[in-house]
Amino acid sequence: MHERGLSVTEIRIGTGLSERLIGEYLDLYEAVGSENTQVQRLLSEPDPATETPAEIKRGAWLR
């Protein structure tokens, strides 16, 4: 998403991940380079815990 020009806010909305976590992924990606196969795997394969973003409504976590 970042390589396609989306902002961190747009990535957050699309993925449900926090801006802080997205920033950490982008820092890691920049530090190791785009050709690192482990980083490519981490960034391309969703973790089961993040496949369905949690929704917050009135301060309560809903699934």
N, C-alpha and C. Protein backbone atom coordinates (compact mmCIF):
# COMPACT_ATOMS: atom_id res chain seq x y z
N MET A 1 0.82 -1.18 0.00
CA MET A 1 0.00 0.00 0.00
C MET A 1 0.87 1.26 0.00
N HIS A 2 1.94 1.21 0.78
CA HIS A 2 2.86 2.35 0.83
C HIS A 2 3.52 2.59 -0.52
N GLU A 3 3.94 1.50 -1.16
CA GLU A 3 4.58 1.62 -2.47
C GLU A 3 3.63 2.17 -3.53
N ARG A 4 2.34 2.02 -3.31
CA ARG A 4 1.34 2.54 -4.25
C ARG A 4 0.94 3.97 -3.93
N GLY A 5 1.60 4.56 -2.92
CA GLY A 5 1.40 5.97 -2.62
C GLY A 5 0.36 6.29 -1.57
N LEU A 6 -0.14 5.28 -0.85
CA LEU A 6 -1.13 5.56 0.19
C LEU A 6 -0.43 6.11 1.43
N SER A 7 -1.11 7.02 2.10
CA SER A 7 -0.58 7.60 3.33
C SER A 7 -0.75 6.61 4.48
N VAL A 8 -0.08 6.90 5.59
CA VAL A 8 -0.20 6.04 6.78
C VAL A 8 -1.66 6.01 7.24
N THR A 9 -2.34 7.14 7.19
CA THR A 9 -3.75 7.19 7.59
C THR A 9 -4.60 6.30 6.69
N GLU A 10 -4.36 6.35 5.39
CA GLU A 10 -5.12 5.51 4.46
C GLU A 10 -4.82 4.03 4.70
N ILE A 11 -3.57 3.71 4.99
CA ILE A 11 -3.20 2.32 5.29
C ILE A 11 -3.89 1.88 6.58
N ARG A 12 -3.93 2.76 7.58
CA ARG A 12 -4.60 2.45 8.85
C ARG A 12 -6.08 2.13 8.61
N ILE A 13 -6.74 2.95 7.82
CA ILE A 13 -8.16 2.73 7.55
C ILE A 13 -8.35 1.41 6.80
N GLY A 14 -7.49 1.13 5.84
CA GLY A 14 -7.63 -0.08 5.03
C GLY A 14 -7.28 -1.37 5.75
N THR A 15 -6.39 -1.28 6.73
CA THR A 15 -5.93 -2.49 7.41
C THR A 15 -6.49 -2.67 8.81
N GLY A 16 -6.86 -1.59 9.45
CA GLY A 16 -7.30 -1.66 10.84
C GLY A 16 -6.14 -1.69 11.82
N LEU A 17 -4.91 -1.54 11.32
CA LEU A 17 -3.74 -1.51 12.20
C LEU A 17 -3.53 -0.09 12.71
N SER A 18 -2.81 0.05 13.82
CA SER A 18 -2.54 1.37 14.37
C SER A 18 -1.49 2.10 13.52
N GLU A 19 -1.53 3.42 13.56
CA GLU A 19 -0.53 4.20 12.84
C GLU A 19 0.87 3.91 13.38
N ARG A 20 0.98 3.67 14.68
CA ARG A 20 2.28 3.36 15.28
C ARG A 20 2.83 2.06 14.70
N LEU A 21 2.00 1.02 14.62
CA LEU A 21 2.45 -0.26 14.08
C LEU A 21 2.81 -0.14 12.60
N ILE A 22 2.02 0.59 11.85
CA ILE A 22 2.32 0.80 10.44
C ILE A 22 3.65 1.53 10.30
N GLY A 23 3.89 2.52 11.15
CA GLY A 23 5.17 3.24 11.13
C GLY A 23 6.34 2.31 11.43
N GLU A 24 6.15 1.38 12.36
CA GLU A 24 7.21 0.42 12.69
C GLU A 24 7.49 -0.49 11.49
N TYR A 25 6.44 -0.95 10.82
CA TYR A 25 6.63 -1.77 9.63
C TYR A 25 7.37 -0.99 8.54
N LEU A 26 7.01 0.27 8.34
CA LEU A 26 7.67 1.07 7.31
C LEU A 26 9.13 1.32 7.66
N ASP A 27 9.42 1.56 8.95
CA ASP A 27 10.81 1.73 9.39
C ASP A 27 11.62 0.46 9.14
N LEU A 28 11.04 -0.69 9.47
CA LEU A 28 11.70 -1.98 9.25
C LEU A 28 11.95 -2.20 7.76
N TYR A 29 10.94 -1.93 6.97
CA TYR A 29 11.03 -2.10 5.52
C TYR A 29 12.17 -1.23 4.95
N GLU A 30 12.26 0.00 5.43
CA GLU A 30 13.31 0.91 4.96
C GLU A 30 14.69 0.44 5.43
N ALA A 31 14.78 -0.06 6.66
CA ALA A 31 16.06 -0.46 7.24
C ALA A 31 16.66 -1.68 6.55
N VAL A 32 15.83 -2.66 6.17
CA VAL A 32 16.37 -3.91 5.62
C VAL A 32 16.30 -3.97 4.10
N GLY A 33 15.53 -3.10 3.50
CA GLY A 33 15.43 -3.08 2.04
C GLY A 33 14.29 -3.93 1.52
N SER A 34 13.86 -3.61 0.35
CA SER A 34 12.69 -4.26 -0.23
C SER A 34 12.96 -5.68 -0.73
N GLU A 35 14.21 -6.07 -0.84
CA GLU A 35 14.54 -7.40 -1.36
C GLU A 35 14.65 -8.46 -0.26
N ASN A 36 14.48 -8.09 0.99
CA ASN A 36 14.57 -9.02 2.10
C ASN A 36 13.36 -9.95 2.08
N THR A 37 13.59 -11.24 1.89
CA THR A 37 12.48 -12.19 1.73
C THR A 37 11.64 -12.35 2.99
N GLN A 38 12.27 -12.31 4.17
CA GLN A 38 11.52 -12.44 5.42
C GLN A 38 10.57 -11.25 5.59
N VAL A 39 11.06 -10.05 5.32
CA VAL A 39 10.20 -8.86 5.43
C VAL A 39 9.09 -8.93 4.40
N GLN A 40 9.40 -9.36 3.19
CA GLN A 40 8.36 -9.49 2.16
C GLN A 40 7.26 -10.45 2.61
N ARG A 41 7.65 -11.56 3.23
CA ARG A 41 6.67 -12.52 3.72
C ARG A 41 5.80 -11.91 4.81
N LEU A 42 6.44 -11.21 5.76
CA LEU A 42 5.69 -10.60 6.85
C LEU A 42 4.70 -9.55 6.35
N LEU A 43 5.11 -8.80 5.34
CA LEU A 43 4.25 -7.73 4.85
C LEU A 43 3.20 -8.20 3.86
N SER A 44 3.38 -9.38 3.28
CA SER A 44 2.43 -9.82 2.27
C SER A 44 1.43 -10.86 2.78
N GLU A 45 1.77 -11.56 3.85
CA GLU A 45 0.88 -12.59 4.39
C GLU A 45 0.23 -12.08 5.67
N PRO A 46 -1.09 -11.91 5.67
CA PRO A 46 -1.73 -11.39 6.90
C PRO A 46 -1.63 -12.38 8.04
N ASP A 47 -1.44 -11.86 9.21
CA ASP A 47 -1.46 -12.66 10.42
C ASP A 47 -2.93 -12.94 10.75
N PRO A 48 -3.26 -14.15 11.17
CA PRO A 48 -4.66 -14.45 11.49
C PRO A 48 -5.26 -13.46 12.50
N ALA A 49 -4.45 -12.92 13.38
CA ALA A 49 -4.95 -11.98 14.39
C ALA A 49 -5.39 -10.65 13.78
N THR A 50 -4.90 -10.33 12.59
CA THR A 50 -5.25 -9.05 11.98
C THR A 50 -6.09 -9.19 10.72
N GLU A 51 -6.52 -10.40 10.39
CA GLU A 51 -7.33 -10.58 9.19
C GLU A 51 -8.66 -9.84 9.29
N THR A 52 -9.27 -9.84 10.47
CA THR A 52 -10.52 -9.12 10.67
C THR A 52 -10.27 -8.03 11.70
N PRO A 53 -10.21 -6.77 11.27
CA PRO A 53 -9.94 -5.70 12.24
C PRO A 53 -11.06 -5.60 13.28
N ALA A 54 -10.68 -5.33 14.49
CA ALA A 54 -11.66 -5.11 15.55
C ALA A 54 -12.30 -3.75 15.34
N GLU A 55 -13.54 -3.62 15.76
CA GLU A 55 -14.24 -2.35 15.66
C GLU A 55 -14.47 -1.81 17.06
N ILE A 56 -14.33 -0.50 17.22
CA ILE A 56 -14.57 0.13 18.51
C ILE A 56 -15.85 0.94 18.38
N LYS A 57 -16.76 0.67 19.28
CA LYS A 57 -18.02 1.41 19.28
C LYS A 57 -18.34 1.77 20.72
N ARG A 58 -18.43 3.06 20.98
CA ARG A 58 -18.72 3.56 22.32
C ARG A 58 -17.77 3.00 23.36
N GLY A 59 -16.50 2.88 23.00
CA GLY A 59 -15.48 2.45 23.94
C GLY A 59 -15.40 0.96 24.19
N ALA A 60 -16.23 0.15 23.53
CA ALA A 60 -16.19 -1.30 23.74
C ALA A 60 -15.67 -1.98 22.48
N TRP A 61 -14.91 -3.03 22.67
CA TRP A 61 -14.39 -3.81 21.53
C TRP A 61 -15.48 -4.75 21.05
N LEU A 62 -15.74 -4.74 19.77
CA LEU A 62 -16.72 -5.65 19.18
C LEU A 62 -16.06 -6.47 18.09
N ARG A 63 -16.55 -7.62 17.83
CA ARG A 63 -16.04 -8.47 16.74
C ARG A 63 -17.14 -8.73 15.77
